[in-house]
Amino acid sequence: MNDAIRPQPGILDIALYEGGKAQVAGMNNVLKLSSNENPFGASDRAKEAFGKTVHTLHRYPNTDHHSLRHAIGDVHGLDADRIICGVGSDEVIMMLCQAYAGPRDEVVFTEHGFLMYRISTLAVGATPVEVPERERVTDVDAILKACNKRTKLVFVANPNNPTGTMISPAEMERLAAGLPPQAILVIDGAYAEYVDGYDGGAGLASTCDNVVMTRTFSKIYGLGGLRIGWGYGPRQIIDVLNRIRQPFNLSNTQLDVAEAAVRDQDWVNKCRAENARMRHWLAEALAEVGVPSDTSLANFVLARFSTVEEAEACDAFLQSQGLIIRRVASYKLPNCLRITVGDESGCRRIAHAVGQFKGMK
């Protein structure tokens, strides 16, 4: 081993990100409810667009994502010139850290926030600052208290992952107004489409010079396997991000399928309605067997158990039944299990299994 070859400070402090488990040893037919995937998949229009892209596999994609940006702008009523597209919203988050944070800078996020905020912060040598939530809900006052002259970015997912909770647009506006002048508020809207009538922070990003909104095609659009996301914000910030963005970061397949998906809002509305119906049913069914959860506005519920041991034992039992959910100890919620809202049969299956587990005690 060559001790003279060393990574940049902070890199070795990054714990490897672990996605939702997808397999159970010895089982072939498992139900995966660990990664907040849309159980209905992508729309037929998106699938059709995917098939057509086989004819352009030899062609480089365009570098400005013009058609996709304008499709997003048309659907959401946004200025296409203020939209940037990335390899999932993760890449937009990383670009924000690369462009605006570095050594001696601080990046603020909440204690149960998305793990990529910490990873991206450490990757650029900045200091992560974690603030407490209030009963698993973002606490605006705690965030403002943590900010200072070194704060460059503040990440807030709304709704949050893995809690499913969210704060009001008025509270988000108060947060944006209270930040230090050099700080950017990043509203992570990965689950925004699951909230009826919610713009994901687009309105605030349209009117404030210190707010950026990120979104993804991985959740309600059912395109997690293609990795497509986007961001929207002040023109000068988007211009900076485009200067460090890889020119061919999205393939023709990603661009064409995402455009077809975003224009199929009938599919989005159908998936939102079905998710809301089964999310309510699942939360009620779990509560009836003694497993509470906060009111979720995303496509999952955070099931709370009395102890860490009970949560781990329930997870082990569910796996024995071919059911995969997500332990969230890495999010500082060791006594909780995050359960994706599946289709009706999946939700009934998971509720029955949790009831069986509780009855065994």
Protein backbone atom coordinates (compact mmCIF):
# COMPACT_ATOMS: atom_id res chain seq x y z
CA MET A 1 0.00 0.00 0.00
CA ASN A 2 1.31 3.43 -0.98
CA ASP A 3 0.67 5.73 2.00
CA ALA A 4 1.63 8.74 -0.09
CA ILE A 5 -1.50 8.37 -2.24
CA ARG A 6 -4.33 9.86 -0.22
CA PRO A 7 -7.82 11.10 -1.06
CA GLN A 8 -8.97 14.62 -0.33
CA PRO A 9 -9.91 15.37 3.32
CA GLY A 10 -13.41 14.21 4.14
CA ILE A 11 -13.63 11.42 1.56
CA LEU A 12 -12.76 8.62 4.00
CA ASP A 13 -15.38 9.97 6.41
CA ILE A 14 -18.10 9.04 3.91
CA ALA A 15 -20.00 5.88 4.77
CA LEU A 16 -20.91 3.94 1.65
CA TYR A 17 -24.51 4.59 0.61
CA GLU A 18 -26.66 1.47 0.72
CA GLY A 19 -29.80 1.43 -1.40
CA GLY A 20 -32.92 -0.47 -0.50
CA LYS A 21 -32.36 -4.21 -0.31
CA ALA A 22 -33.67 -6.10 -3.35
CA GLN A 23 -33.08 -9.78 -2.52
CA VAL A 24 -33.59 -12.29 0.26
CA ALA A 25 -31.21 -15.26 0.35
CA GLY A 26 -32.93 -18.46 -0.73
CA MET A 27 -36.05 -16.72 -2.09
CA ASN A 28 -36.87 -15.99 -5.71
CA ASN A 29 -40.32 -14.40 -5.51
CA VAL A 30 -39.98 -11.42 -3.18
CA LEU A 31 -41.96 -8.22 -2.82
CA LYS A 32 -39.62 -5.23 -2.75
CA LEU A 33 -40.96 -2.31 -0.73
CA SER A 34 -37.61 -0.83 0.24
CA SER A 35 -36.80 1.84 -2.36
CA ASN A 36 -39.99 3.93 -2.74
CA GLU A 37 -40.51 2.77 -6.31
CA ASN A 38 -43.80 3.27 -8.12
CA PRO A 39 -45.47 -0.18 -8.10
CA PHE A 40 -47.23 0.65 -11.38
CA GLY A 41 -43.99 1.46 -13.18
CA ALA A 42 -43.66 3.90 -16.05
CA SER A 43 -46.51 5.05 -18.28
CA ASP A 44 -47.20 3.41 -21.63
CA ARG A 45 -46.10 6.59 -23.39
CA ALA A 46 -42.75 6.47 -21.60
CA LYS A 47 -42.31 2.79 -22.48
CA GLU A 48 -43.10 3.50 -26.12
CA ALA A 49 -40.50 6.28 -26.18
CA PHE A 50 -37.95 3.91 -24.64
CA GLY A 51 -38.47 1.41 -27.43
CA LYS A 52 -37.93 4.00 -30.13
CA THR A 53 -34.54 5.04 -28.74
CA VAL A 54 -32.88 1.82 -29.92
CA HIS A 55 -32.56 3.50 -33.31
CA THR A 56 -30.36 6.31 -31.96
CA LEU A 57 -28.00 4.41 -29.69
CA HIS A 58 -25.07 5.37 -31.92
CA ARG A 59 -25.83 9.08 -31.69
CA TYR A 60 -24.51 11.47 -29.07
CA PRO A 61 -27.27 13.29 -27.20
CA ASN A 62 -27.62 17.04 -27.42
CA THR A 63 -25.82 18.91 -24.70
CA ASP A 64 -28.43 21.50 -23.74
CA HIS A 65 -31.41 19.18 -23.04
CA HIS A 66 -33.57 21.70 -24.88
CA SER A 67 -36.57 19.50 -25.62
CA LEU A 68 -36.81 18.01 -22.12
CA ARG A 69 -36.34 21.36 -20.39
CA HIS A 70 -39.12 22.90 -22.48
CA ALA A 71 -41.41 19.95 -21.81
CA ILE A 72 -40.86 20.36 -18.08
CA GLY A 73 -41.41 24.08 -18.42
CA ASP A 74 -44.65 23.60 -20.35
CA VAL A 75 -46.08 21.15 -17.84
CA HIS A 76 -45.10 23.08 -14.71
CA GLY A 77 -45.36 26.62 -16.03
CA LEU A 78 -41.65 27.33 -15.56
CA ASP A 79 -38.98 29.19 -17.51
CA ALA A 80 -37.09 26.48 -19.41
CA ASP A 81 -33.92 28.57 -19.32
CA ARG A 82 -33.89 28.23 -15.52
CA ILE A 83 -34.06 24.42 -15.61
CA ILE A 84 -31.05 22.10 -15.40
CA CYS A 85 -31.21 18.33 -15.93
CA GLY A 86 -29.07 15.73 -14.23
CA VAL A 87 -28.48 12.06 -13.57
CA GLY A 88 -31.21 11.92 -10.97
CA SER A 89 -31.68 14.85 -8.62
CA ASP A 90 -28.60 13.43 -6.84
CA GLU A 91 -26.38 14.91 -9.55
CA VAL A 92 -27.99 18.33 -9.18
CA ILE A 93 -27.40 18.14 -5.42
CA MET A 94 -23.75 17.22 -6.01
CA MET A 95 -23.29 20.03 -8.53
CA LEU A 96 -24.66 22.54 -6.02
CA CYS A 97 -22.11 21.36 -3.47
CA GLN A 98 -19.28 21.42 -6.01
CA ALA A 99 -20.16 24.94 -7.15
CA TYR A 100 -20.95 26.60 -3.83
CA ALA A 101 -19.29 24.72 -0.96
CA GLY A 102 -15.75 23.74 -0.06
CA PRO A 103 -13.24 23.65 2.78
CA ARG A 104 -14.20 25.91 5.72
CA ASP A 105 -17.78 26.16 4.40
CA GLU A 106 -20.79 24.57 6.10
CA VAL A 107 -23.82 22.77 4.67
CA VAL A 108 -26.93 22.45 6.83
CA PHE A 109 -29.55 19.69 6.78
CA THR A 110 -31.83 17.99 9.30
CA GLU A 111 -31.05 14.94 11.41
CA HIS A 112 -33.33 12.62 9.42
CA GLY A 113 -32.50 14.14 6.04
CA PHE A 114 -31.53 12.32 2.84
CA LEU A 115 -28.10 10.70 3.21
CA MET A 116 -26.79 12.23 -0.03
CA TYR A 117 -26.68 15.68 1.60
CA ARG A 118 -23.93 14.54 3.97
CA ILE A 119 -22.13 12.51 1.30
CA SER A 120 -22.08 15.38 -1.20
CA THR A 121 -20.93 17.81 1.49
CA LEU A 122 -18.01 15.65 2.56
CA ALA A 123 -17.08 14.94 -1.06
CA VAL A 124 -16.24 18.62 -1.60
CA GLY A 125 -14.44 19.05 1.70
CA ALA A 126 -17.16 21.11 3.37
CA THR A 127 -18.47 20.59 6.90
CA PRO A 128 -21.89 18.94 7.37
CA VAL A 129 -24.06 20.56 10.03
CA GLU A 130 -26.94 18.42 11.22
CA VAL A 131 -29.83 20.06 13.07
CA PRO A 132 -32.57 18.40 15.13
CA GLU A 133 -36.10 17.89 13.88
CA ARG A 134 -39.19 18.33 16.01
CA GLU A 135 -40.88 14.93 16.32
CA ARG A 136 -39.60 13.96 12.87
CA VAL A 137 -40.69 17.24 11.25
CA THR A 138 -38.32 19.89 9.86
CA ASP A 139 -37.76 22.63 12.46
CA VAL A 140 -37.23 25.98 10.71
CA ASP A 141 -36.08 27.73 13.87
CA ALA A 142 -33.43 25.05 14.52
CA ILE A 143 -32.12 25.46 10.96
CA LEU A 144 -31.93 29.24 11.23
CA LYS A 145 -30.14 28.96 14.56
CA ALA A 146 -27.51 26.67 12.96
CA CYS A 147 -26.75 29.09 10.14
CA ASN A 148 -23.84 31.53 10.22
CA LYS A 149 -21.40 33.31 7.91
CA ARG A 150 -19.90 29.95 6.85
CA THR A 151 -23.24 28.47 5.74
CA LYS A 152 -23.39 28.04 1.97
CA LEU A 153 -26.21 25.55 1.43
CA VAL A 154 -29.29 24.43 3.35
CA PHE A 155 -31.00 21.21 2.18
CA VAL A 156 -34.63 20.52 3.07
CA ALA A 157 -36.62 17.67 1.54
CA ASN A 158 -40.33 18.45 1.50
CA PRO A 159 -41.91 15.91 1.95
CA ASN A 160 -38.93 14.46 3.76
CA ASN A 161 -37.41 11.04 3.27
CA PRO A 162 -37.62 8.82 5.32
CA THR A 163 -40.20 10.49 7.59
CA GLY A 164 -42.83 11.41 4.98
CA THR A 165 -43.60 14.63 6.85
CA MET A 166 -43.50 18.14 5.40
CA ILE A 167 -43.69 21.79 6.39
CA SER A 168 -46.00 24.41 4.90
CA PRO A 169 -45.08 26.76 2.05
CA ALA A 170 -45.31 29.63 4.55
CA GLU A 171 -42.69 27.99 6.78
CA MET A 172 -40.45 27.36 3.79
CA GLU A 173 -40.79 31.01 2.78
CA ARG A 174 -39.86 32.05 6.32
CA LEU A 175 -36.77 29.85 6.12
CA ALA A 176 -35.67 31.35 2.80
CA ALA A 177 -36.14 34.88 4.10
CA GLY A 178 -34.15 34.19 7.27
CA LEU A 179 -31.02 32.69 5.75
CA PRO A 180 -27.68 34.53 5.69
CA PRO A 181 -27.18 36.43 2.41
CA GLN A 182 -24.57 33.99 1.03
CA ALA A 183 -26.65 30.84 1.66
CA ILE A 184 -28.79 28.95 -0.86
CA LEU A 185 -31.93 27.07 0.22
CA VAL A 186 -32.30 23.82 -1.73
CA ILE A 187 -35.82 22.40 -1.62
CA ASP A 188 -35.64 18.71 -2.48
CA GLY A 189 -38.98 17.89 -4.11
CA ALA A 190 -38.38 14.24 -4.94
CA TYR A 191 -41.79 13.35 -3.52
CA ALA A 192 -43.60 16.59 -4.40
CA GLU A 193 -45.83 14.95 -7.02
CA TYR A 194 -47.45 12.83 -4.33
CA VAL A 195 -48.89 15.94 -2.66
CA ASP A 196 -52.02 17.13 -4.43
CA GLY A 197 -51.78 20.81 -5.39
CA TYR A 198 -48.20 21.28 -4.17
CA ASP A 199 -45.66 22.93 -6.50
CA GLY A 200 -42.61 21.44 -4.79
CA GLY A 201 -41.17 24.88 -4.07
CA ALA A 202 -41.30 26.10 -7.67
CA GLY A 203 -43.07 29.31 -6.73
CA LEU A 204 -40.44 30.19 -4.17
CA ALA A 205 -37.61 29.32 -6.57
CA SER A 206 -39.26 31.57 -9.16
CA THR A 207 -39.36 34.64 -6.93
CA CYS A 208 -36.36 34.28 -4.58
CA ASP A 209 -32.74 34.70 -5.63
CA ASN A 210 -31.53 32.22 -2.98
CA VAL A 211 -33.82 29.20 -3.59
CA VAL A 212 -33.29 26.17 -5.85
CA MET A 213 -35.79 23.34 -6.23
CA THR A 214 -34.77 19.80 -7.24
CA ARG A 215 -37.07 17.12 -8.65
CA THR A 216 -36.78 13.56 -9.94
CA PHE A 217 -38.30 11.15 -12.45
CA SER A 218 -37.40 8.20 -10.20
CA LYS A 219 -40.51 8.19 -8.00
CA ILE A 220 -44.00 8.87 -9.34
CA TYR A 221 -42.84 8.66 -12.97
CA GLY A 222 -41.49 5.15 -12.37
CA LEU A 223 -38.12 5.81 -14.04
CA GLY A 224 -35.72 5.02 -11.20
CA GLY A 225 -33.77 2.66 -13.45
CA LEU A 226 -32.97 5.45 -15.91
CA ARG A 227 -31.72 8.03 -13.37
CA ILE A 228 -33.14 11.38 -14.48
CA GLY A 229 -33.66 14.49 -12.39
CA TRP A 230 -33.82 18.24 -12.73
CA GLY A 231 -33.45 21.49 -10.85
CA TYR A 232 -35.01 24.94 -11.12
CA GLY A 233 -33.79 28.22 -9.70
CA PRO A 234 -32.37 31.68 -10.32
CA ARG A 235 -30.81 32.08 -13.74
CA GLN A 236 -27.39 32.98 -12.33
CA ILE A 237 -27.25 29.80 -10.21
CA ILE A 238 -28.37 27.57 -13.08
CA ASP A 239 -25.72 29.21 -15.27
CA VAL A 240 -23.05 28.32 -12.71
CA LEU A 241 -24.22 24.70 -12.51
CA ASN A 242 -24.19 24.34 -16.30
CA ARG A 243 -20.53 25.37 -16.29
CA ILE A 244 -19.58 22.26 -14.29
CA ARG A 245 -22.21 19.87 -15.65
CA GLN A 246 -20.88 17.06 -17.83
CA PRO A 247 -21.96 17.98 -21.38
CA PHE A 248 -23.34 14.53 -22.20
CA ASN A 249 -24.62 13.65 -18.73
CA LEU A 250 -27.97 12.39 -20.06
CA SER A 251 -28.37 9.91 -22.92
CA ASN A 252 -30.88 10.11 -25.76
CA THR A 253 -32.86 7.39 -24.00
CA GLN A 254 -33.04 9.33 -20.75
CA LEU A 255 -34.02 12.55 -22.50
CA ASP A 256 -36.69 11.06 -24.75
CA VAL A 257 -38.30 8.86 -22.11
CA ALA A 258 -38.37 11.66 -19.52
CA GLU A 259 -40.04 14.00 -22.02
CA ALA A 260 -42.73 11.44 -22.81
CA ALA A 261 -43.23 10.78 -19.10
CA VAL A 262 -43.61 14.39 -18.01
CA ARG A 263 -46.14 15.06 -20.77
CA ASP A 264 -48.29 12.14 -19.57
CA GLN A 265 -49.86 13.84 -16.57
CA ASP A 266 -52.90 11.54 -16.69
CA TRP A 267 -50.59 8.75 -15.54
CA VAL A 268 -49.16 10.93 -12.78
CA ASN A 269 -52.64 11.82 -11.53
CA LYS A 270 -53.68 8.16 -11.53
CA CYS A 271 -50.58 7.10 -9.60
CA ARG A 272 -51.01 9.96 -7.09
CA ALA A 273 -54.63 9.03 -6.38
CA GLU A 274 -53.90 5.33 -5.98
CA ASN A 275 -50.90 6.02 -3.76
CA ALA A 276 -52.98 8.29 -1.49
CA ARG A 277 -55.71 5.65 -1.21
CA MET A 278 -53.37 2.80 -0.30
CA ARG A 279 -51.10 4.95 1.90
CA HIS A 280 -54.08 5.82 4.08
CA TRP A 281 -55.21 2.20 4.14
CA LEU A 282 -51.75 0.91 5.03
CA ALA A 283 -51.21 3.44 7.82
CA GLU A 284 -54.60 2.58 9.32
CA ALA A 285 -53.97 -1.16 9.04
CA LEU A 286 -50.60 -0.86 10.79
CA ALA A 287 -52.07 1.34 13.53
CA GLU A 288 -54.75 -1.28 14.21
CA VAL A 289 -52.05 -3.81 15.11
CA GLY A 290 -50.14 -1.36 17.30
CA VAL A 291 -47.65 0.10 14.82
CA PRO A 292 -48.06 3.90 14.59
CA SER A 293 -46.71 6.22 11.90
CA ASP A 294 -46.68 9.95 11.29
CA THR A 295 -49.00 11.32 8.63
CA SER A 296 -47.07 10.70 5.42
CA LEU A 297 -47.39 12.80 2.29
CA ALA A 298 -45.01 10.69 0.21
CA ASN A 299 -45.22 7.14 -1.21
CA PHE A 300 -44.13 5.37 1.97
CA VAL A 301 -44.97 5.19 5.65
CA LEU A 302 -42.48 5.24 8.51
CA ALA A 303 -43.61 2.48 10.85
CA ARG A 304 -42.52 3.07 14.45
CA PHE A 305 -41.84 0.26 16.92
CA SER A 306 -41.36 0.45 20.67
CA THR A 307 -37.70 -0.65 20.58
CA VAL A 308 -34.84 -1.17 18.17
CA GLU A 309 -35.00 -4.90 18.88
CA GLU A 310 -38.67 -5.06 17.93
CA ALA A 311 -38.06 -3.21 14.66
CA GLU A 312 -35.19 -5.52 13.73
CA ALA A 313 -37.18 -8.61 14.67
CA CYS A 314 -40.11 -7.45 12.54
CA ASP A 315 -37.78 -6.84 9.60
CA ALA A 316 -36.35 -10.34 9.97
CA PHE A 317 -39.85 -11.83 10.08
CA LEU A 318 -40.94 -9.91 7.01
CA GLN A 319 -37.90 -11.14 5.11
CA SER A 320 -38.80 -14.70 6.07
CA GLN A 321 -42.12 -14.04 4.33
CA GLY A 322 -40.43 -12.68 1.21
CA LEU A 323 -41.14 -9.04 2.08
CA ILE A 324 -38.36 -6.46 1.80
CA ILE A 325 -38.69 -3.10 3.54
CA ARG A 326 -36.06 -0.56 4.61
CA ARG A 327 -34.33 -0.30 7.97
CA VAL A 328 -33.53 3.34 8.64
CA ALA A 329 -31.01 3.21 11.48
CA SER A 330 -28.61 5.11 9.20
CA TYR A 331 -31.13 7.96 9.29
CA LYS A 332 -31.01 7.93 13.12
CA LEU A 333 -34.35 6.13 13.31
CA PRO A 334 -33.26 2.68 14.53
CA ASN A 335 -36.68 1.77 15.94
CA CYS A 336 -38.44 2.47 12.62
CA LEU A 337 -39.00 0.67 9.34
CA ARG A 338 -39.77 2.54 6.12
CA ILE A 339 -42.37 0.75 4.03
CA THR A 340 -43.03 1.75 0.41
CA VAL A 341 -46.71 1.99 -0.52
CA GLY A 342 -47.20 -0.80 -3.04
CA ASP A 343 -50.25 -1.77 -5.02
CA GLU A 344 -53.31 -3.04 -3.14
CA SER A 345 -52.20 -6.66 -2.97
CA GLY A 346 -48.75 -5.63 -1.77
CA CYS A 347 -50.13 -3.38 0.95
CA ARG A 348 -52.51 -6.08 2.16
CA ARG A 349 -49.69 -8.60 2.21
CA ILE A 350 -47.38 -6.39 4.27
CA ALA A 351 -50.14 -5.39 6.71
CA HIS A 352 -51.08 -9.03 7.24
CA ALA A 353 -47.46 -10.01 7.89
CA VAL A 354 -46.89 -7.19 10.40
CA GLY A 355 -50.10 -8.26 12.13
CA GLN A 356 -48.81 -11.82 12.28
CA PHE A 357 -45.54 -10.60 13.81
CA LYS A 358 -47.31 -8.54 16.46
CA GLY A 359 -49.55 -11.49 17.28
CA MET A 360 -46.54 -13.73 17.88
CA LYS A 361 -45.27 -11.58 20.74
